[in-house]
Amino acid sequence: MRAGRGGAPAGPRGGAAGGPALALAAAAAVVLGPAPGAGAATPLRTMWVAAGRSAFLEKEYEDLKYAGVTDVVPGRAGLGEDPGGVVEAVQVTYDPDRISFEELMRTYWKHAQPTDAGGQFMERGPEFRSAIWAGDAAERATVEGAAVSLEESGVYGPGRVVTPVLDAPPASFQPLPEGERHALRTNPKAFGRDAKARKADFSNRWGFVQFCLDRVCGYVRFAPGCTGKCLDVFPEFSSRNSGVPELTSAVKVTGRG
């Protein structure tokens, strides 16, 4: 028997040995097609939110790429009915099979001050106002329901939630030039004062408190500002704080973070 290319014994008509078997296997694969029950992947979705300087939300959502966020674009979004109204915002594209709109909104609520109509934290001015764009009735219900619960809980203080919930997409969205993106990472000094204010607010509201009570130390309570109906929006804190005493005037705080 003569050899085919590479020294392999040639089969009938010069084909490599095992040729008929390989052909049958290939034919079977064509006939079988995709595995039963395999469906098309859910299309990616996009959301838009604003809460102060876009670099801060850009970083928070970039940090969720491991969980299902696929792209984050900072830019300037139009508010529609507000003539000339433009705010710094981010456009977030995500895989809804891996992370939900509700989970993405929890990140937003932790890094916004929705009771502030004049800006966010130390970032003052109309371009730093907060806004949320809802893509459909379900997203609007998620946002508005959370806003009511958070307002009633007092987690942001006594004020009302004034963040508008608008129809997505924004009236306009102008992405920042590529060279101006990831600014918090490439030029952190330019955000020093604002970053410090945000960190302090996050620590007080969403961080943790270490304390002693009745001469017993080592207690840790997470999200000390999130109580009551706030836990409807952030149920994970109910389980994390299970069995931990409430913070009262009787406790001795030993640390915060």
Protein backbone atom coordinates (compact mmCIF):
# COMPACT_ATOMS: atom_id res chain seq x y z
CA MET A 1 0.00 0.00 0.00
CA ARG A 2 1.36 3.39 -0.96
CA ALA A 3 1.66 6.18 1.57
CA GLY A 4 -0.39 9.37 1.47
CA ARG A 5 0.91 12.79 2.48
CA GLY A 6 2.87 12.83 5.72
CA GLY A 7 3.52 9.08 5.47
CA ALA A 8 0.01 8.02 6.49
CA PRO A 9 -1.27 4.94 4.64
CA ALA A 10 -3.64 5.95 1.85
CA GLY A 11 -7.13 4.52 1.74
CA PRO A 12 -9.20 3.86 -1.38
CA ARG A 13 -8.74 6.45 -4.11
CA GLY A 14 -5.79 7.99 -2.24
CA GLY A 15 -7.84 9.13 0.86
CA ALA A 16 -6.26 8.87 4.31
CA ALA A 17 -6.94 5.76 6.38
CA GLY A 18 -10.20 6.06 8.29
CA GLY A 19 -11.58 8.43 5.66
CA PRO A 20 -15.02 6.78 5.42
CA ALA A 21 -15.41 6.82 9.22
CA LEU A 22 -14.51 10.49 9.42
CA ALA A 23 -16.95 11.29 6.65
CA LEU A 24 -19.73 9.44 8.47
CA ALA A 25 -18.95 11.33 11.71
CA ALA A 26 -19.04 14.67 9.91
CA ALA A 27 -22.34 13.77 8.27
CA ALA A 28 -23.80 12.81 11.63
CA ALA A 29 -22.74 16.13 13.12
CA VAL A 30 -24.51 17.98 10.31
CA VAL A 31 -27.70 15.95 10.80
CA LEU A 32 -27.70 16.27 14.58
CA GLY A 33 -27.11 20.06 14.61
CA PRO A 34 -27.33 21.99 17.89
CA ALA A 35 -28.05 20.14 21.09
CA PRO A 36 -31.76 19.86 21.93
CA GLY A 37 -33.02 22.80 23.98
CA ALA A 38 -30.17 25.11 22.97
CA GLY A 39 -31.64 28.56 22.29
CA ALA A 40 -30.29 31.86 21.09
CA ALA A 41 -28.52 34.01 23.68
CA THR A 42 -30.49 36.91 25.13
CA PRO A 43 -29.55 40.15 23.34
CA LEU A 44 -27.37 42.60 25.22
CA ARG A 45 -29.19 45.51 26.86
CA THR A 46 -28.19 49.12 27.47
CA MET A 47 -28.98 51.50 30.30
CA TRP A 48 -28.17 55.16 30.94
CA VAL A 49 -27.74 56.79 34.35
CA ALA A 50 -26.34 60.08 35.65
CA ALA A 51 -25.09 61.07 39.10
CA GLY A 52 -22.42 63.75 39.08
CA ARG A 53 -19.10 63.47 37.30
CA SER A 54 -19.36 60.57 34.89
CA ALA A 55 -15.89 59.26 35.74
CA PHE A 56 -17.17 57.94 39.08
CA LEU A 57 -20.03 55.87 37.67
CA GLU A 58 -17.79 54.80 34.81
CA LYS A 59 -15.41 53.20 37.31
CA GLU A 60 -18.17 51.55 39.36
CA TYR A 61 -19.70 49.88 36.32
CA GLU A 62 -16.32 49.00 34.81
CA ASP A 63 -15.69 47.07 38.03
CA LEU A 64 -18.73 44.91 37.19
CA LYS A 65 -17.34 43.57 33.91
CA TYR A 66 -16.61 40.27 35.66
CA ALA A 67 -20.34 40.00 36.46
CA GLY A 68 -21.85 40.72 33.04
CA VAL A 69 -21.21 44.36 32.11
CA THR A 70 -19.68 44.41 28.63
CA ASP A 71 -19.08 48.10 27.94
CA VAL A 72 -19.22 51.44 29.76
CA VAL A 73 -19.15 54.73 27.87
CA PRO A 74 -19.06 58.08 29.72
CA GLY A 75 -20.59 61.06 27.95
CA ARG A 76 -23.16 63.82 28.04
CA ALA A 77 -26.87 63.00 27.88
CA GLY A 78 -29.78 65.25 26.97
CA LEU A 79 -32.73 65.50 29.35
CA GLY A 80 -35.31 65.97 26.62
CA GLU A 81 -38.01 68.29 27.96
CA ASP A 82 -35.40 70.47 29.67
CA PRO A 83 -34.28 72.87 26.88
CA GLY A 84 -30.53 72.72 26.69
CA GLY A 85 -30.46 70.41 29.68
CA VAL A 86 -27.42 68.15 29.47
CA VAL A 87 -25.86 66.09 32.25
CA GLU A 88 -22.78 63.93 32.57
CA ALA A 89 -23.88 60.31 32.30
CA VAL A 90 -22.75 56.80 31.47
CA GLN A 91 -24.06 54.33 28.93
CA VAL A 92 -23.80 50.78 30.28
CA THR A 93 -24.15 47.72 28.05
CA TYR A 94 -24.67 44.41 29.81
CA ASP A 95 -25.63 40.77 29.44
CA PRO A 96 -29.02 40.29 31.17
CA ASP A 97 -28.36 36.55 31.43
CA ARG A 98 -25.51 37.35 33.84
CA ILE A 99 -26.53 40.55 35.63
CA SER A 100 -29.94 42.17 35.98
CA PHE A 101 -31.09 45.76 35.63
CA GLU A 102 -32.12 45.66 39.30
CA GLU A 103 -28.58 44.67 40.34
CA LEU A 104 -27.09 47.45 38.22
CA MET A 105 -29.46 49.92 39.85
CA ARG A 106 -28.26 48.86 43.31
CA THR A 107 -24.81 50.05 42.28
CA TYR A 108 -26.32 53.32 41.15
CA TRP A 109 -28.20 53.95 44.41
CA LYS A 110 -25.00 53.40 46.38
CA HIS A 111 -23.11 56.04 44.40
CA ALA A 112 -25.76 58.74 44.00
CA GLN A 113 -27.50 61.35 46.13
CA PRO A 114 -31.02 61.21 44.65
CA THR A 115 -32.38 63.81 47.08
CA ASP A 116 -30.03 66.51 45.74
CA ALA A 117 -31.48 68.62 42.90
CA GLY A 118 -28.41 70.86 42.52
CA GLY A 119 -25.70 68.30 41.78
CA GLN A 120 -24.12 65.36 43.55
CA PHE A 121 -21.93 65.38 46.67
CA MET A 122 -19.32 68.16 46.18
CA GLU A 123 -20.05 68.31 42.44
CA ARG A 124 -22.31 71.34 42.01
CA GLY A 125 -24.07 72.61 38.93
CA PRO A 126 -26.83 71.55 36.51
CA GLU A 127 -24.50 69.32 34.49
CA PHE A 128 -24.02 67.17 37.60
CA ARG A 129 -27.71 66.51 38.28
CA SER A 130 -28.87 62.93 38.63
CA ALA A 131 -31.13 61.14 36.15
CA ILE A 132 -32.21 57.61 35.27
CA TRP A 133 -33.51 56.42 31.90
CA ALA A 134 -35.93 53.46 31.93
CA GLY A 135 -36.09 51.23 28.86
CA ASP A 136 -39.55 49.78 29.44
CA ALA A 137 -42.41 49.55 31.94
CA ALA A 138 -40.62 46.86 33.99
CA GLU A 139 -37.50 48.97 34.40
CA ARG A 140 -39.57 52.02 35.30
CA ALA A 141 -41.41 50.01 37.96
CA THR A 142 -38.09 48.77 39.37
CA VAL A 143 -36.68 52.29 39.61
CA GLU A 144 -39.80 53.99 40.94
CA GLY A 145 -40.47 51.23 43.48
CA ALA A 146 -36.91 51.44 44.79
CA ALA A 147 -37.07 55.23 44.94
CA VAL A 148 -40.20 55.11 47.11
CA SER A 149 -38.67 52.54 49.47
CA LEU A 150 -35.40 54.43 49.79
CA GLU A 151 -37.15 57.74 50.39
CA GLU A 152 -39.40 56.26 53.09
CA SER A 153 -36.44 54.58 54.78
CA GLY A 154 -34.62 57.88 55.22
CA VAL A 155 -31.34 56.36 54.07
CA TYR A 156 -30.53 59.61 52.23
CA GLY A 157 -31.85 61.85 54.98
CA PRO A 158 -35.21 63.59 55.30
CA GLY A 159 -35.40 64.93 51.74
CA ARG A 160 -37.48 63.59 48.88
CA VAL A 161 -36.00 61.62 45.98
CA VAL A 162 -35.91 64.12 43.11
CA THR A 163 -33.99 62.11 40.50
CA PRO A 164 -36.13 62.11 37.33
CA VAL A 165 -37.00 58.80 35.67
CA LEU A 166 -37.02 59.42 31.92
CA ASP A 167 -37.77 57.26 28.90
CA ALA A 168 -34.72 55.61 27.35
CA PRO A 169 -32.78 56.30 25.30
CA PRO A 170 -31.78 59.86 26.24
CA ALA A 171 -32.80 62.68 23.91
CA SER A 172 -29.13 62.74 22.93
CA PHE A 173 -25.94 61.05 24.05
CA GLN A 174 -22.49 62.31 23.11
CA PRO A 175 -19.68 59.95 24.18
CA LEU A 176 -16.54 61.48 25.57
CA PRO A 177 -13.50 61.27 23.28
CA GLU A 178 -11.48 58.13 23.83
CA GLY A 179 -8.64 60.12 25.39
CA GLU A 180 -10.94 61.48 28.11
CA ARG A 181 -12.28 58.12 29.27
CA HIS A 182 -11.07 56.25 32.36
CA ALA A 183 -10.14 59.67 33.77
CA LEU A 184 -10.40 58.53 37.38
CA ARG A 185 -7.67 56.00 36.70
CA THR A 186 -5.42 58.10 34.47
CA ASN A 187 -5.72 61.41 36.34
CA PRO A 188 -6.89 60.72 39.92
CA LYS A 189 -5.52 64.00 41.30
CA ALA A 190 -8.09 65.92 39.27
CA PHE A 191 -10.84 64.19 41.27
CA GLY A 192 -9.24 64.30 44.71
CA ARG A 193 -11.72 66.51 46.58
CA ASP A 194 -14.78 64.93 44.97
CA ALA A 195 -13.46 61.41 45.50
CA LYS A 196 -12.86 62.14 49.20
CA ALA A 197 -16.44 63.40 49.66
CA ARG A 198 -17.89 60.37 47.91
CA LYS A 199 -15.78 57.96 49.94
CA ALA A 200 -16.92 59.53 53.22
CA ASP A 201 -20.57 59.37 52.18
CA PHE A 202 -20.26 55.75 51.06
CA SER A 203 -18.55 54.75 54.30
CA ASN A 204 -21.24 56.34 56.46
CA ARG A 205 -24.14 54.96 54.50
CA TRP A 206 -22.99 51.72 52.88
CA GLY A 207 -19.74 50.77 54.63
CA PHE A 208 -19.45 49.02 57.98
CA VAL A 209 -19.23 49.88 61.66
CA GLN A 210 -17.25 47.96 64.26
CA PHE A 211 -18.48 48.38 67.82
CA CYS A 212 -18.71 47.10 71.37
CA LEU A 213 -21.89 46.57 73.38
CA ASP A 214 -22.25 45.46 77.01
CA ARG A 215 -18.48 44.92 77.23
CA VAL A 216 -18.55 42.60 74.22
CA CYS A 217 -16.48 43.82 71.27
CA GLY A 218 -16.03 42.65 67.72
CA TYR A 219 -19.52 43.34 66.41
CA VAL A 220 -19.66 44.45 62.76
CA ARG A 221 -22.74 45.96 61.14
CA PHE A 222 -22.86 46.57 57.38
CA ALA A 223 -24.62 49.48 55.64
CA PRO A 224 -25.48 51.19 58.92
CA GLY A 225 -27.68 53.73 57.15
CA CYS A 226 -29.79 51.11 55.40
CA THR A 227 -32.71 50.14 57.61
CA GLY A 228 -36.45 49.68 57.24
CA LYS A 229 -37.68 49.75 53.65
CA CYS A 230 -34.13 50.27 52.40
CA LEU A 231 -33.72 46.55 53.01
CA ASP A 232 -36.43 45.88 50.41
CA VAL A 233 -34.00 47.29 47.85
CA PHE A 234 -30.88 45.79 49.45
CA PRO A 235 -32.05 42.49 51.00
CA GLU A 236 -28.47 41.22 51.19
CA PHE A 237 -27.85 43.46 54.21
CA SER A 238 -30.60 41.71 56.18
CA SER A 239 -28.71 38.44 56.02
CA ARG A 240 -25.28 40.01 56.54
CA ASN A 241 -26.49 41.77 59.70
CA SER A 242 -28.49 38.85 61.03
CA GLY A 243 -27.90 38.49 64.78
CA VAL A 244 -25.94 41.75 65.02
CA PRO A 245 -27.31 44.30 67.54
CA GLU A 246 -28.79 47.54 66.24
CA LEU A 247 -26.69 50.67 66.50
CA THR A 248 -27.93 52.68 69.46
CA SER A 249 -26.48 55.27 71.82
CA ALA A 250 -25.35 52.38 74.04
CA VAL A 251 -22.78 51.07 71.57
CA LYS A 252 -19.16 52.13 71.52
CA VAL A 253 -17.95 52.53 67.94
CA THR A 254 -14.39 51.27 67.48
CA GLY A 255 -13.99 51.59 63.72
CA ARG A 256 -15.59 52.42 60.39
CA GLY A 257 -14.86 51.40 56.85
